[in-house]
Amino acid sequence: MKLLVKGMLCASLIVSNLMGTESIKTPVSVSGLADIEIFTSENKDGKITPQTIEEAFKKAGFTISANRDMNGPFVKQFKESGFDIYNLFTFYKKEAVLELVKKYPNVGLFAPMSMSIYTKKGEKSISISSLTVAGMAKIMKTDKDDKTLLGLKRLVQETLKKVMPNGQFVVPSYKQQEPKGELVTNFSMEMDADEWDDELDEFKMGFEGELAPNGFVIAGFNNLGDEFEEAKYEAYDFYEVYSICKLPVIYTIAKSRPEAGAFAPCSLYLSKKRDNNMMHIAFPSVYNWISSMSIENKEDIKVLEDAQQGMIKILKGLTE
C-alpha cells in the first residue's frame, strides 16, 4: 500500500436549490476577510433553543447529522462549564453536496457543516457560529464566488433569520493570523482493484478501534456515496464522512472562543473513485482553528496540536 501524506488538520457543508426562498438584507459575506460569523439574538424568554433551530433547518430541507448537547459532558468530565447551553450542530444539504462533489472532490471537508449553538452562563441571548463562504473556500481551495457555495450560505442565513427574527450577524473582533501549518491533512492509500471493499471494511474497523483509546469520539457518520448512487451519480465506489470530536479540545477552546464549533466536530472523509485505485482521506487541520480564531495561548495551542498529531498517528499506522 502506498502512503501519501500531504499536510495537517481537523473541522462541515453544502448546496441547494434556493428557488422559493425569501431574500434577506444580510449579505452572504458579512466580512470578506473573516472566516467565522456569529448570529446572535436576545432570548430572554428562552423560546429559541437548539431544538427549535434544528426544526427550522429541517423545514429548510437540510439533513441533520447531529445536534449534540456538549454542556452536560463538560460538567460531567470537567466539573464545571461557562455555558447554560452549548450544542454542536452538524448538517448538510443533499442537493448541494451532490452539485459540489462534481466540481470539488474534497467537499467532504464540509459535508456536514458545523455550528456551535451557545448561551454563556447567566446571559439572556443565544448565538450561533458558522464558517463564512470565504472560510470554506480557503480550506477547500475553491472559488469564493462559487454560486453553489453562495447559494448554500444564503439559505443558511435565511433559515437563521426565520428562527431568530431579531438576530444580527456579527464578525469576531480579532484579526486572523497567517496559518502556521497546512490547512488540510491528506493521506492516500492504494487499494486492490478487486478487493477494495474488504480493504475498506478492514480500514474502518481499525480506524474506529483506535479512536477511543486516543481520546476521540465519533460524533456522526454519513455515507454520502449511497446518496450519490441514489441520485444516479456513480463516479465513486465509496464516499463516507466521519464527524470526529475530542471533548477536551472543544471544552478548552470554547472557554475563550465559543464560536469554535464552526470547526467542530471536524469532518474526515474517505473516498475512492471508480476509475482509480487510490483511497483519499482528508480532514481540516487544527491550524484553521489557530489561524481563523487568532489563538495565541500556548496551552490552547498545545491541546489542538496534540489532537492533530494523535489523528495523524492513527492514520499513518493504518495506511503504511
C-alpha atoms as a PDB file:
ATOM      1  CA  MET A   1       0.000   0.000   0.000  1.00  0.00           C
ATOM      2  CA  LYS A   2       1.225   3.426  -0.864  1.00  0.00           C
ATOM      3  CA  LEU A   3       1.088   6.305   1.582  1.00  0.00           C
ATOM      4  CA  LEU A   4       0.985   9.931   0.615  1.00  0.00           C
ATOM      5  CA  VAL A   5       0.902  12.459   3.438  1.00  0.00           C
ATOM      6  CA  LYS A   6       0.404  15.979   2.211  1.00  0.00           C
ATOM      7  CA  GLY A   7      -0.440  18.167   5.164  1.00  0.00           C
ATOM      8  CA  MET A   8      -2.148  18.791   8.513  1.00  0.00           C
ATOM      9  CA  LEU A   9      -5.708  19.125  10.027  1.00  0.00           C
ATOM     10  CA  CYS A  10      -9.148  18.998  11.914  1.00  0.00           C
ATOM     11  CA  ALA A  11     -13.475  20.747  11.332  1.00  0.00           C
ATOM     12  CA  SER A  12     -18.577  20.523   7.525  1.00  0.00           C
ATOM     13  CA  LEU A  13     -21.254  21.595   4.134  1.00  0.00           C
ATOM     14  CA  ILE A  14     -23.182  22.114   1.261  1.00  0.00           C
ATOM     15  CA  VAL A  15     -25.646  23.174  -1.695  1.00  0.00           C
ATOM     16  CA  SER A  16     -29.149  23.637  -2.685  1.00  0.00           C
ATOM     17  CA  ASN A  17     -31.865  24.767  -4.967  1.00  0.00           C
ATOM     18  CA  LEU A  18     -32.825  28.082  -3.460  1.00  0.00           C
ATOM     19  CA  MET A  19     -35.916  28.594  -5.562  1.00  0.00           C
ATOM     20  CA  GLY A  20     -38.723  29.917  -3.449  1.00  0.00           C
ATOM     21  CA  THR A  21     -36.612  31.160  -0.550  1.00  0.00           C
ATOM     22  CA  GLU A  22     -37.039  34.695   0.704  1.00  0.00           C
ATOM     23  CA  SER A  23     -34.278  37.232   0.277  1.00  0.00           C
ATOM     24  CA  ILE A  24     -32.832  38.920   3.356  1.00  0.00           C
ATOM     25  CA  LYS A  25     -30.947  42.146   3.777  1.00  0.00           C
ATOM     26  CA  THR A  26     -27.924  40.488   5.349  1.00  0.00           C
ATOM     27  CA  PRO A  27     -25.226  39.921   2.730  1.00  0.00           C
ATOM     28  CA  VAL A  28     -23.823  36.435   2.283  1.00  0.00           C
ATOM     29  CA  SER A  29     -20.426  37.785   3.272  1.00  0.00           C
ATOM     30  CA  VAL A  30     -20.674  39.839   6.453  1.00  0.00           C
ATOM     31  CA  SER A  31     -16.957  40.427   6.046  1.00  0.00           C
ATOM     32  CA  GLY A  32     -14.913  39.447   3.045  1.00  0.00           C
ATOM     33  CA  LEU A  33     -11.971  38.760   5.330  1.00  0.00           C
ATOM     34  CA  ALA A  34     -13.486  36.837   8.254  1.00  0.00           C
ATOM     35  CA  ASP A  35     -13.635  33.035   8.291  1.00  0.00           C
ATOM     36  CA  ILE A  36     -16.295  32.890  11.023  1.00  0.00           C
ATOM     37  CA  GLU A  37     -19.512  34.789  11.550  1.00  0.00           C
ATOM     38  CA  ILE A  38     -21.798  34.737  14.580  1.00  0.00           C
ATOM     39  CA  PHE A  39     -25.565  35.236  14.597  1.00  0.00           C
ATOM     40  CA  THR A  40     -26.843  36.497  17.965  1.00  0.00           C
ATOM     41  CA  SER A  41     -30.323  37.173  19.296  1.00  0.00           C
ATOM     42  CA  GLU A  42     -31.940  38.142  22.562  1.00  0.00           C
ATOM     43  CA  ASN A  43     -33.607  35.136  24.157  1.00  0.00           C
ATOM     44  CA  LYS A  44     -34.987  36.321  27.489  1.00  0.00           C
ATOM     45  CA  ASP A  45     -37.997  34.027  27.305  1.00  0.00           C
ATOM     46  CA  GLY A  46     -35.861  31.027  26.346  1.00  0.00           C
ATOM     47  CA  LYS A  47     -38.073  30.177  23.366  1.00  0.00           C
ATOM     48  CA  ILE A  48     -35.139  29.841  20.980  1.00  0.00           C
ATOM     49  CA  THR A  49     -33.495  26.508  21.701  1.00  0.00           C
ATOM     50  CA  PRO A  50     -31.210  24.049  19.894  1.00  0.00           C
ATOM     51  CA  GLN A  51     -34.366  22.055  19.153  1.00  0.00           C
ATOM     52  CA  THR A  52     -36.248  24.960  17.531  1.00  0.00           C
ATOM     53  CA  ILE A  53     -33.140  25.741  15.497  1.00  0.00           C
ATOM     54  CA  GLU A  54     -32.950  22.119  14.354  1.00  0.00           C
ATOM     55  CA  GLU A  55     -36.600  22.155  13.293  1.00  0.00           C
ATOM     56  CA  ALA A  56     -36.049  25.317  11.250  1.00  0.00           C
ATOM     57  CA  PHE A  57     -33.179  23.703   9.363  1.00  0.00           C
ATOM     58  CA  LYS A  58     -35.224  20.567   8.726  1.00  0.00           C
ATOM     59  CA  LYS A  59     -38.019  22.701   7.268  1.00  0.00           C
ATOM     60  CA  ALA A  60     -35.467  24.373   5.015  1.00  0.00           C
ATOM     61  CA  GLY A  61     -34.558  20.968   3.582  1.00  0.00           C
ATOM     62  CA  PHE A  62     -31.304  20.275   5.407  1.00  0.00           C
ATOM     63  CA  THR A  63     -30.315  16.837   6.654  1.00  0.00           C
ATOM     64  CA  ILE A  64     -29.335  16.982  10.329  1.00  0.00           C
ATOM     65  CA  SER A  65     -26.394  14.769  11.233  1.00  0.00           C
ATOM     66  CA  ALA A  66     -26.287  15.635  14.928  1.00  0.00           C
ATOM     67  CA  ASN A  67     -27.418  18.215  17.466  1.00  0.00           C
ATOM     68  CA  ARG A  68     -25.331  17.278  20.491  1.00  0.00           C
ATOM     69  CA  ASP A  69     -25.563  18.840  23.924  1.00  0.00           C
ATOM     70  CA  MET A  70     -21.944  19.317  24.981  1.00  0.00           C
ATOM     71  CA  ASN A  71     -22.691  21.235  28.163  1.00  0.00           C
ATOM     72  CA  GLY A  72     -23.698  18.106  30.062  1.00  0.00           C
ATOM     73  CA  PRO A  73     -20.467  16.295  29.115  1.00  0.00           C
ATOM     74  CA  PHE A  74     -18.483  19.435  30.026  1.00  0.00           C
ATOM     75  CA  VAL A  75     -19.895  19.385  33.542  1.00  0.00           C
ATOM     76  CA  LYS A  76     -19.609  15.620  33.894  1.00  0.00           C
ATOM     77  CA  GLN A  77     -15.977  15.386  32.804  1.00  0.00           C
ATOM     78  CA  PHE A  78     -14.577  18.742  33.909  1.00  0.00           C
ATOM     79  CA  LYS A  79     -16.909  19.524  36.837  1.00  0.00           C
ATOM     80  CA  GLU A  80     -17.838  22.963  35.506  1.00  0.00           C
ATOM     81  CA  SER A  81     -18.960  24.915  32.456  1.00  0.00           C
ATOM     82  CA  GLY A  82     -19.168  28.548  31.481  1.00  0.00           C
ATOM     83  CA  PHE A  83     -22.343  27.919  29.475  1.00  0.00           C
ATOM     84  CA  ASP A  84     -26.031  27.375  30.059  1.00  0.00           C
ATOM     85  CA  ILE A  85     -26.269  25.988  26.503  1.00  0.00           C
ATOM     86  CA  TYR A  86     -23.515  24.598  24.293  1.00  0.00           C
ATOM     87  CA  ASN A  87     -24.517  22.377  21.371  1.00  0.00           C
ATOM     88  CA  LEU A  88     -22.546  21.189  18.369  1.00  0.00           C
ATOM     89  CA  PHE A  89     -24.845  21.119  15.344  1.00  0.00           C
ATOM     90  CA  THR A  90     -23.915  19.357  12.085  1.00  0.00           C
ATOM     91  CA  PHE A  91     -25.997  19.462   8.919  1.00  0.00           C
ATOM     92  CA  TYR A  92     -25.832  19.405   5.120  1.00  0.00           C
ATOM     93  CA  LYS A  93     -27.940  19.837   2.002  1.00  0.00           C
ATOM     94  CA  LYS A  94     -28.011  16.711  -0.138  1.00  0.00           C
ATOM     95  CA  GLU A  95     -28.547  18.543  -3.405  1.00  0.00           C
ATOM     96  CA  ALA A  96     -25.720  20.945  -2.657  1.00  0.00           C
ATOM     97  CA  VAL A  97     -23.261  18.220  -1.738  1.00  0.00           C
ATOM     98  CA  LEU A  98     -24.031  16.372  -4.962  1.00  0.00           C
ATOM     99  CA  GLU A  99     -23.527  19.513  -7.028  1.00  0.00           C
ATOM    100  CA  LEU A 100     -20.290  20.420  -5.269  1.00  0.00           C
ATOM    101  CA  VAL A 101     -18.653  16.999  -5.336  1.00  0.00           C
ATOM    102  CA  LYS A 102     -18.776  17.064  -9.135  1.00  0.00           C
ATOM    103  CA  LYS A 103     -16.541  20.139  -9.032  1.00  0.00           C
ATOM    104  CA  TYR A 104     -14.685  19.678  -5.755  1.00  0.00           C
ATOM    105  CA  PRO A 105     -13.858  16.077  -4.739  1.00  0.00           C
ATOM    106  CA  ASN A 106     -12.869  17.341  -1.267  1.00  0.00           C
ATOM    107  CA  VAL A 107     -16.405  18.509  -0.439  1.00  0.00           C
ATOM    108  CA  GLY A 108     -16.365  16.002   2.429  1.00  0.00           C
ATOM    109  CA  LEU A 109     -14.308  18.509   4.406  1.00  0.00           C
ATOM    110  CA  PHE A 110     -17.591  20.363   4.987  1.00  0.00           C
ATOM    111  CA  ALA A 111     -20.271  17.753   4.466  1.00  0.00           C
ATOM    112  CA  PRO A 112     -21.648  18.095   7.059  1.00  0.00           C
ATOM    113  CA  MET A 113     -21.044  21.699   8.035  1.00  0.00           C
ATOM    114  CA  SER A 114     -20.658  22.513  11.717  1.00  0.00           C
ATOM    115  CA  MET A 115     -22.118  25.159  14.028  1.00  0.00           C
ATOM    116  CA  SER A 116     -21.967  25.885  17.721  1.00  0.00           C
ATOM    117  CA  ILE A 117     -25.168  26.988  19.448  1.00  0.00           C
ATOM    118  CA  TYR A 118     -24.429  28.631  22.786  1.00  0.00           C
ATOM    119  CA  THR A 119     -25.581  30.803  25.648  1.00  0.00           C
ATOM    120  CA  LYS A 120     -22.956  31.901  28.137  1.00  0.00           C
ATOM    121  CA  LYS A 121     -23.828  31.280  31.767  1.00  0.00           C
ATOM    122  CA  GLY A 122     -26.229  33.912  33.098  1.00  0.00           C
ATOM    123  CA  GLU A 123     -26.767  35.637  29.751  1.00  0.00           C
ATOM    124  CA  LYS A 124     -30.159  36.116  28.052  1.00  0.00           C
ATOM    125  CA  SER A 125     -29.024  35.776  24.461  1.00  0.00           C
ATOM    126  CA  ILE A 126     -28.298  32.857  22.160  1.00  0.00           C
ATOM    127  CA  SER A 127     -25.607  32.722  19.487  1.00  0.00           C
ATOM    128  CA  ILE A 128     -24.791  30.500  16.519  1.00  0.00           C
ATOM    129  CA  SER A 129     -21.381  30.414  14.846  1.00  0.00           C
ATOM    130  CA  SER A 130     -20.606  29.152  11.354  1.00  0.00           C
ATOM    131  CA  LEU A 131     -17.937  29.437   8.681  1.00  0.00           C
ATOM    132  CA  THR A 132     -18.247  32.081   6.004  1.00  0.00           C
ATOM    133  CA  VAL A 133     -18.023  31.206   2.328  1.00  0.00           C
ATOM    134  CA  ALA A 134     -14.531  32.701   2.360  1.00  0.00           C
ATOM    135  CA  GLY A 135     -13.581  30.410   5.249  1.00  0.00           C
ATOM    136  CA  MET A 136     -14.789  27.272   3.488  1.00  0.00           C
ATOM    137  CA  ALA A 137     -13.380  28.281   0.120  1.00  0.00           C
ATOM    138  CA  LYS A 138      -9.940  28.924   1.611  1.00  0.00           C
ATOM    139  CA  ILE A 139      -9.759  25.435   3.077  1.00  0.00           C
ATOM    140  CA  MET A 140     -11.275  23.628   0.096  1.00  0.00           C
ATOM    141  CA  LYS A 141      -9.302  25.786  -2.369  1.00  0.00           C
ATOM    142  CA  THR A 142     -12.432  26.640  -4.298  1.00  0.00           C
ATOM    143  CA  ASP A 143     -13.700  29.811  -5.911  1.00  0.00           C
ATOM    144  CA  LYS A 144     -15.158  32.006  -3.142  1.00  0.00           C
ATOM    145  CA  ASP A 145     -17.654  33.229  -5.733  1.00  0.00           C
ATOM    146  CA  ASP A 146     -18.879  29.700  -6.438  1.00  0.00           C
ATOM    147  CA  LYS A 147     -22.638  30.007  -6.959  1.00  0.00           C
ATOM    148  CA  THR A 148     -23.394  26.784  -5.123  1.00  0.00           C
ATOM    149  CA  LEU A 149     -21.478  27.826  -2.018  1.00  0.00           C
ATOM    150  CA  LEU A 150     -23.005  31.289  -2.098  1.00  0.00           C
ATOM    151  CA  GLY A 151     -26.494  29.836  -2.504  1.00  0.00           C
ATOM    152  CA  LEU A 152     -25.934  27.452   0.371  1.00  0.00           C
ATOM    153  CA  LYS A 153     -24.739  30.209   2.655  1.00  0.00           C
ATOM    154  CA  ARG A 154     -27.691  32.377   1.686  1.00  0.00           C
ATOM    155  CA  LEU A 155     -30.089  29.596   2.658  1.00  0.00           C
ATOM    156  CA  VAL A 156     -28.310  29.102   5.997  1.00  0.00           C
ATOM    157  CA  GLN A 157     -28.613  32.815   6.732  1.00  0.00           C
ATOM    158  CA  GLU A 158     -32.270  32.920   5.732  1.00  0.00           C
ATOM    159  CA  THR A 159     -33.004  29.946   7.979  1.00  0.00           C
ATOM    160  CA  LEU A 160     -31.285  31.616  10.919  1.00  0.00           C
ATOM    161  CA  LYS A 161     -33.297  34.804  10.343  1.00  0.00           C
ATOM    162  CA  LYS A 162     -36.533  32.835  10.391  1.00  0.00           C
ATOM    163  CA  VAL A 163     -35.840  31.075  13.674  1.00  0.00           C
ATOM    164  CA  MET A 164     -34.194  34.168  15.238  1.00  0.00           C
ATOM    165  CA  PRO A 165     -36.021  37.122  13.597  1.00  0.00           C
ATOM    166  CA  ASN A 166     -34.435  39.720  15.873  1.00  0.00           C
ATOM    167  CA  GLY A 167     -30.926  38.354  15.456  1.00  0.00           C
ATOM    168  CA  GLN A 168     -27.946  40.126  13.948  1.00  0.00           C
ATOM    169  CA  PHE A 169     -24.783  38.911  12.244  1.00  0.00           C
ATOM    170  CA  VAL A 170     -21.527  39.921  13.850  1.00  0.00           C
ATOM    171  CA  VAL A 171     -17.900  39.238  12.994  1.00  0.00           C
ATOM    172  CA  PRO A 172     -15.330  38.415  15.681  1.00  0.00           C
ATOM    173  CA  SER A 173     -13.171  41.419  16.555  1.00  0.00           C
ATOM    174  CA  TYR A 174      -9.830  39.631  16.426  1.00  0.00           C
ATOM    175  CA  LYS A 175      -7.664  39.569  13.316  1.00  0.00           C
ATOM    176  CA  GLN A 176      -6.720  36.333  11.627  1.00  0.00           C
ATOM    177  CA  GLN A 177      -3.178  35.012  11.802  1.00  0.00           C
ATOM    178  CA  GLU A 178      -1.144  33.559   8.988  1.00  0.00           C
ATOM    179  CA  PRO A 179      -1.521  29.743   9.184  1.00  0.00           C
ATOM    180  CA  LYS A 180       1.377  28.016  10.925  1.00  0.00           C
ATOM    181  CA  GLY A 181       0.754  24.750   9.099  1.00  0.00           C
ATOM    182  CA  GLU A 182      -1.154  23.173   6.232  1.00  0.00           C
ATOM    183  CA  LEU A 183      -4.903  23.802   6.369  1.00  0.00           C
ATOM    184  CA  VAL A 184      -5.805  20.254   5.321  1.00  0.00           C
ATOM    185  CA  THR A 185      -4.237  16.936   6.292  1.00  0.00           C
ATOM    186  CA  ASN A 186      -4.248  14.435   3.426  1.00  0.00           C
ATOM    187  CA  PHE A 187      -3.484  10.721   3.279  1.00  0.00           C
ATOM    188  CA  SER A 188      -3.786   8.397   0.296  1.00  0.00           C
ATOM    189  CA  MET A 189      -3.679   4.605   0.243  1.00  0.00           C
ATOM    190  CA  GLU A 190      -3.545   2.286  -2.725  1.00  0.00           C
ATOM    191  CA  MET A 191      -6.293  -0.343  -2.804  1.00  0.00           C
ATOM    192  CA  ASP A 192      -6.607  -3.602  -4.688  1.00  0.00           C
ATOM    193  CA  ALA A 193      -8.829  -3.243  -7.739  1.00  0.00           C
ATOM    194  CA  ASP A 194     -10.833  -6.355  -6.809  1.00  0.00           C
ATOM    195  CA  GLU A 195     -10.589  -6.365  -3.009  1.00  0.00           C
ATOM    196  CA  TRP A 196     -11.127  -2.697  -2.177  1.00  0.00           C
ATOM    197  CA  ASP A 197     -14.436  -3.315  -0.379  1.00  0.00           C
ATOM    198  CA  ASP A 198     -12.815  -5.769   2.046  1.00  0.00           C
ATOM    199  CA  GLU A 199      -9.886  -3.403   2.490  1.00  0.00           C
ATOM    200  CA  LEU A 200     -12.290  -0.558   3.267  1.00  0.00           C
ATOM    201  CA  ASP A 201     -14.018  -2.623   5.953  1.00  0.00           C
ATOM    202  CA  GLU A 202     -10.653  -3.550   7.433  1.00  0.00           C
ATOM    203  CA  PHE A 203      -9.511   0.069   7.429  1.00  0.00           C
ATOM    204  CA  LYS A 204     -12.714   1.310   9.062  1.00  0.00           C
ATOM    205  CA  MET A 205     -12.581  -1.370  11.742  1.00  0.00           C
ATOM    206  CA  GLY A 206      -9.015  -0.418  12.573  1.00  0.00           C
ATOM    207  CA  PHE A 207      -9.762   3.304  12.469  1.00  0.00           C
ATOM    208  CA  GLU A 208     -12.800   3.116  14.722  1.00  0.00           C
ATOM    209  CA  GLY A 209     -10.923   0.846  17.118  1.00  0.00           C
ATOM    210  CA  GLU A 210      -8.122   3.398  17.508  1.00  0.00           C
ATOM    211  CA  LEU A 211     -10.316   6.425  18.200  1.00  0.00           C
ATOM    212  CA  ALA A 212     -11.471   5.838  21.780  1.00  0.00           C
ATOM    213  CA  PRO A 213      -8.026   4.778  23.124  1.00  0.00           C
ATOM    214  CA  ASN A 214      -6.699   8.062  21.728  1.00  0.00           C
ATOM    215  CA  GLY A 215      -9.477  10.191  23.222  1.00  0.00           C
ATOM    216  CA  PHE A 216     -11.545  10.709  20.071  1.00  0.00           C
ATOM    217  CA  VAL A 217     -15.299  10.191  19.700  1.00  0.00           C
ATOM    218  CA  ILE A 218     -17.364   9.528  16.583  1.00  0.00           C
ATOM    219  CA  ALA A 219     -19.943  12.315  16.725  1.00  0.00           C
ATOM    220  CA  GLY A 220     -21.630  11.308  13.481  1.00  0.00           C
ATOM    221  CA  PHE A 221     -21.306   9.360  10.230  1.00  0.00           C
ATOM    222  CA  ASN A 222     -22.683  10.000   6.742  1.00  0.00           C
ATOM    223  CA  ASN A 223     -22.481   7.625   3.795  1.00  0.00           C
ATOM    224  CA  LEU A 224     -22.583  10.192   1.011  1.00  0.00           C
ATOM    225  CA  GLY A 225     -21.725   7.536  -1.556  1.00  0.00           C
ATOM    226  CA  ASP A 226     -25.116   5.877  -1.052  1.00  0.00           C
ATOM    227  CA  GLU A 227     -26.818   9.226  -1.590  1.00  0.00           C
ATOM    228  CA  PHE A 228     -24.790   9.822  -4.752  1.00  0.00           C
ATOM    229  CA  GLU A 229     -25.833   6.397  -6.048  1.00  0.00           C
ATOM    230  CA  GLU A 230     -29.495   7.107  -5.310  1.00  0.00           C
ATOM    231  CA  ALA A 231     -29.129  10.300  -7.340  1.00  0.00           C
ATOM    232  CA  LYS A 232     -27.647   8.254 -10.250  1.00  0.00           C
ATOM    233  CA  TYR A 233     -24.193   9.769  -9.796  1.00  0.00           C
ATOM    234  CA  GLU A 234     -21.823   6.808  -9.900  1.00  0.00           C
ATOM    235  CA  ALA A 235     -18.344   8.330 -10.045  1.00  0.00           C
ATOM    236  CA  TYR A 236     -17.348   6.851  -6.663  1.00  0.00           C
ATOM    237  CA  ASP A 237     -17.028   3.342  -5.272  1.00  0.00           C
ATOM    238  CA  PHE A 238     -17.455   4.945  -1.867  1.00  0.00           C
ATOM    239  CA  TYR A 239     -17.560   8.363  -0.221  1.00  0.00           C
ATOM    240  CA  GLU A 240     -18.003   8.327   3.551  1.00  0.00           C
ATOM    241  CA  VAL A 241     -17.617  11.040   6.172  1.00  0.00           C
ATOM    242  CA  TYR A 242     -16.894  10.697   9.887  1.00  0.00           C
ATOM    243  CA  SER A 243     -17.583  13.562  12.291  1.00  0.00           C
ATOM    244  CA  ILE A 244     -14.827  13.343  14.899  1.00  0.00           C
ATOM    245  CA  CYS A 245     -14.734  15.129  18.240  1.00  0.00           C
ATOM    246  CA  LYS A 246     -12.302  15.286  21.168  1.00  0.00           C
ATOM    247  CA  LEU A 247     -14.055  16.680  24.226  1.00  0.00           C
ATOM    248  CA  PRO A 248     -11.023  18.300  25.919  1.00  0.00           C
ATOM    249  CA  VAL A 249     -10.325  20.229  22.717  1.00  0.00           C
ATOM    250  CA  ILE A 250     -13.727  21.874  22.309  1.00  0.00           C
ATOM    251  CA  TYR A 251     -14.056  22.374  26.090  1.00  0.00           C
ATOM    252  CA  THR A 252     -10.704  24.141  26.305  1.00  0.00           C
ATOM    253  CA  ILE A 253     -11.030  26.337  23.227  1.00  0.00           C
ATOM    254  CA  ALA A 254     -14.701  27.233  23.800  1.00  0.00           C
ATOM    255  CA  LYS A 255     -13.805  28.985  27.053  1.00  0.00           C
ATOM    256  CA  SER A 256     -12.353  31.897  25.110  1.00  0.00           C
ATOM    257  CA  ARG A 257     -13.702  31.107  21.625  1.00  0.00           C
ATOM    258  CA  PRO A 258     -17.234  29.657  21.908  1.00  0.00           C
ATOM    259  CA  GLU A 259     -17.524  30.135  18.152  1.00  0.00           C
ATOM    260  CA  ALA A 260     -15.025  27.254  17.760  1.00  0.00           C
ATOM    261  CA  GLY A 261     -17.974  24.987  16.992  1.00  0.00           C
ATOM    262  CA  ALA A 262     -17.799  26.319  13.428  1.00  0.00           C
ATOM    263  CA  PHE A 263     -14.891  23.851  13.141  1.00  0.00           C
ATOM    264  CA  ALA A 264     -16.131  21.085  15.450  1.00  0.00           C
ATOM    265  CA  PRO A 265     -16.683  18.252  15.189  1.00  0.00           C
ATOM    266  CA  CYS A 266     -14.343  18.021  12.253  1.00  0.00           C
ATOM    267  CA  SER A 267     -15.215  16.047   9.138  1.00  0.00           C
ATOM    268  CA  LEU A 268     -12.860  13.296   7.993  1.00  0.00           C
ATOM    269  CA  TYR A 269     -13.751  11.769   4.651  1.00  0.00           C
ATOM    270  CA  LEU A 270     -12.781   8.537   2.887  1.00  0.00           C
ATOM    271  CA  SER A 271     -13.330   8.385  -0.862  1.00  0.00           C
ATOM    272  CA  LYS A 272     -12.399   6.288  -3.887  1.00  0.00           C
ATOM    273  CA  LYS A 273     -13.349   6.983  -7.480  1.00  0.00           C
ATOM    274  CA  ARG A 274     -14.374   4.065  -9.688  1.00  0.00           C
ATOM    275  CA  ASP A 275     -11.597   4.717 -12.190  1.00  0.00           C
ATOM    276  CA  ASN A 276      -8.833   4.986  -9.581  1.00  0.00           C
ATOM    277  CA  ASN A 277      -7.313   2.569  -7.065  1.00  0.00           C
ATOM    278  CA  MET A 278      -6.406   5.239  -4.504  1.00  0.00           C
ATOM    279  CA  MET A 279      -8.411   5.863  -1.368  1.00  0.00           C
ATOM    280  CA  HIS A 280      -8.205   9.507  -0.309  1.00  0.00           C
ATOM    281  CA  ILE A 281      -8.508  10.522   3.328  1.00  0.00           C
ATOM    282  CA  ALA A 282      -8.598  14.145   4.467  1.00  0.00           C
ATOM    283  CA  PHE A 283      -9.694  16.404   7.294  1.00  0.00           C
ATOM    284  CA  PRO A 284      -9.324  20.156   8.098  1.00  0.00           C
ATOM    285  CA  SER A 285      -6.235  20.872  10.180  1.00  0.00           C
ATOM    286  CA  VAL A 286      -6.241  22.457  13.629  1.00  0.00           C
ATOM    287  CA  TYR A 287      -4.187  25.223  12.046  1.00  0.00           C
ATOM    288  CA  ASN A 288      -7.520  26.540  10.774  1.00  0.00           C
ATOM    289  CA  TRP A 289      -8.622  26.975  14.379  1.00  0.00           C
ATOM    290  CA  ILE A 290      -5.395  28.721  15.362  1.00  0.00           C
ATOM    291  CA  SER A 291      -5.340  30.989  12.314  1.00  0.00           C
ATOM    292  CA  SER A 292      -9.042  31.838  11.935  1.00  0.00           C
ATOM    293  CA  MET A 293      -9.641  32.454  15.648  1.00  0.00           C
ATOM    294  CA  SER A 294      -6.254  34.055  16.339  1.00  0.00           C
ATOM    295  CA  ILE A 295      -5.420  31.623  19.133  1.00  0.00           C
ATOM    296  CA  GLU A 296      -2.228  32.613  20.920  1.00  0.00           C
ATOM    297  CA  ASN A 297      -2.484  30.922  24.318  1.00  0.00           C
ATOM    298  CA  LYS A 298       0.257  28.275  24.444  1.00  0.00           C
ATOM    299  CA  GLU A 299      -1.842  25.771  26.405  1.00  0.00           C
ATOM    300  CA  ASP A 300      -4.699  26.084  23.916  1.00  0.00           C
ATOM    301  CA  ILE A 301      -2.339  25.582  21.002  1.00  0.00           C
ATOM    302  CA  LYS A 302      -0.839  22.513  22.676  1.00  0.00           C
ATOM    303  CA  VAL A 303      -4.276  20.933  23.129  1.00  0.00           C
ATOM    304  CA  LEU A 304      -5.014  21.473  19.459  1.00  0.00           C
ATOM    305  CA  GLU A 305      -1.674  20.274  18.147  1.00  0.00           C
ATOM    306  CA  ASP A 306      -1.765  17.186  20.382  1.00  0.00           C
ATOM    307  CA  ALA A 307      -5.113  16.268  18.801  1.00  0.00           C
ATOM    308  CA  GLN A 308      -3.669  16.894  15.341  1.00  0.00           C
ATOM    309  CA  GLN A 309      -0.693  14.649  15.964  1.00  0.00           C
ATOM    310  CA  GLY A 310      -2.890  11.987  17.551  1.00  0.00           C
ATOM    311  CA  MET A 311      -5.043  11.721  14.437  1.00  0.00           C
ATOM    312  CA  ILE A 312      -2.011  11.702  12.152  1.00  0.00           C
ATOM    313  CA  LYS A 313      -0.528   8.862  14.186  1.00  0.00           C
ATOM    314  CA  ILE A 314      -3.718   6.808  13.823  1.00  0.00           C
ATOM    315  CA  LEU A 315      -3.963   7.320  10.058  1.00  0.00           C
ATOM    316  CA  LYS A 316      -0.279   6.816   9.448  1.00  0.00           C
ATOM    317  CA  GLY A 317      -0.408   3.489  11.292  1.00  0.00           C
ATOM    318  CA  LEU A 318      -3.348   2.312   9.193  1.00  0.00           C
ATOM    319  CA  THR A 319      -2.091   3.377   5.778  1.00  0.00           C
ATOM    320  CA  GLU A 320       1.571   2.375   5.804  1.00  0.00           C
END
